[in-house]
Amino acid sequence: MPKKNHEDAAKHHEEAAKHHRSAAEEAGKGNHEKAAHHAQAAHGHTEHAKEHAREASKKYAQQHEEKGKEKK
C-alpha cells in the first residue's frame, strides 16, 4: 500500500539527511574524501526515496482509476 512506500521514502530521506550532515562536518574538517563518500551515500538514499514516492503515486493513480470504474 502507499503507506509503506511513504514510510520507506521517509527512512531514506532521514538517512540522506544524516549523510549530508556528515559530509558537511567532514568538509569543515578538510576531509574532502570522506565528505565525498557521504555525499554519494546521500545521493543514493535520495534516489531510493524518489523511487518509493513514485511507487506511491502509481498506487494512488491505480486506486483512483479503479474507483472511477466502480462508479460507472
Protein backbone atom coordinates (compact mmCIF):
# COMPACT_ATOMS: atom_id res chain seq x y z
CA MET A 1 0.00 0.00 0.00
CA PRO A 2 1.08 3.60 -0.43
CA LYS A 3 1.61 3.94 3.34
CA LYS A 4 4.57 1.54 3.22
CA ASN A 5 6.05 3.45 0.28
CA HIS A 6 5.78 6.70 2.22
CA GLU A 7 7.40 5.14 5.28
CA ASP A 8 10.24 3.76 3.17
CA ALA A 9 10.72 7.12 1.44
CA ALA A 10 10.85 8.86 4.83
CA LYS A 11 13.52 6.43 6.07
CA HIS A 12 15.66 7.11 3.02
CA HIS A 13 15.21 10.87 3.40
CA GLU A 14 16.34 10.56 7.04
CA GLU A 15 19.42 8.56 6.01
CA ALA A 16 20.21 11.09 3.27
CA ALA A 17 19.99 13.90 5.82
CA LYS A 18 22.41 12.07 8.14
CA HIS A 19 24.90 11.68 5.30
CA HIS A 20 24.53 15.33 4.28
CA ARG A 21 25.29 16.40 7.85
CA SER A 22 28.30 14.08 7.95
CA ALA A 23 29.50 15.40 4.60
CA ALA A 24 29.27 18.97 5.87
CA GLU A 25 31.14 18.07 9.05
CA GLU A 26 33.92 16.27 7.18
CA ALA A 27 34.22 19.09 4.63
CA GLY A 28 34.58 21.54 7.51
CA LYS A 29 37.47 19.46 8.84
CA GLY A 30 39.09 19.37 5.41
CA ASN A 31 38.39 15.64 4.97
CA HIS A 32 37.15 16.01 1.42
CA GLU A 33 37.42 12.31 0.54
CA LYS A 34 35.15 11.39 3.44
CA ALA A 35 32.84 14.28 2.58
CA ALA A 36 32.55 12.99 -0.99
CA HIS A 37 31.76 9.49 0.29
CA HIS A 38 28.93 10.84 2.46
CA ALA A 39 27.64 12.98 -0.40
CA GLN A 40 27.46 9.93 -2.66
CA ALA A 41 25.66 7.94 0.03
CA ALA A 42 23.19 10.80 0.50
CA HIS A 43 22.53 10.86 -3.24
CA GLY A 44 21.83 7.11 -3.23
CA HIS A 45 19.32 7.44 -0.39
CA THR A 46 17.65 10.36 -2.15
CA GLU A 47 17.25 8.27 -5.30
CA HIS A 48 15.71 5.42 -3.28
CA ALA A 49 13.31 7.87 -1.62
CA LYS A 50 12.26 9.14 -5.05
CA GLU A 51 11.60 5.57 -6.22
CA HIS A 52 9.34 4.90 -3.23
CA ALA A 53 7.48 8.18 -3.79
CA ARG A 54 6.94 7.28 -7.47
CA GLU A 55 5.55 3.88 -6.44
CA ALA A 56 3.14 5.55 -4.02
CA SER A 57 1.98 7.92 -6.77
CA LYS A 58 1.40 5.00 -9.13
CA LYS A 59 -0.65 3.21 -6.50
CA TYR A 60 -2.76 6.32 -5.88
CA ALA A 61 -3.37 6.64 -9.62
CA GLN A 62 -4.40 2.98 -9.83
CA GLN A 63 -6.76 3.36 -6.88
CA HIS A 64 -8.28 6.49 -8.42
CA GLU A 65 -8.75 4.69 -11.74
CA GLU A 66 -10.37 1.69 -10.05
CA LYS A 67 -12.78 3.94 -8.11
CA GLY A 68 -13.70 5.68 -11.36
CA LYS A 69 -14.54 2.34 -12.97
CA GLU A 70 -16.68 1.33 -9.98
CA LYS A 71 -18.80 4.48 -10.32
CA LYS A 72 -19.68 3.72 -13.96
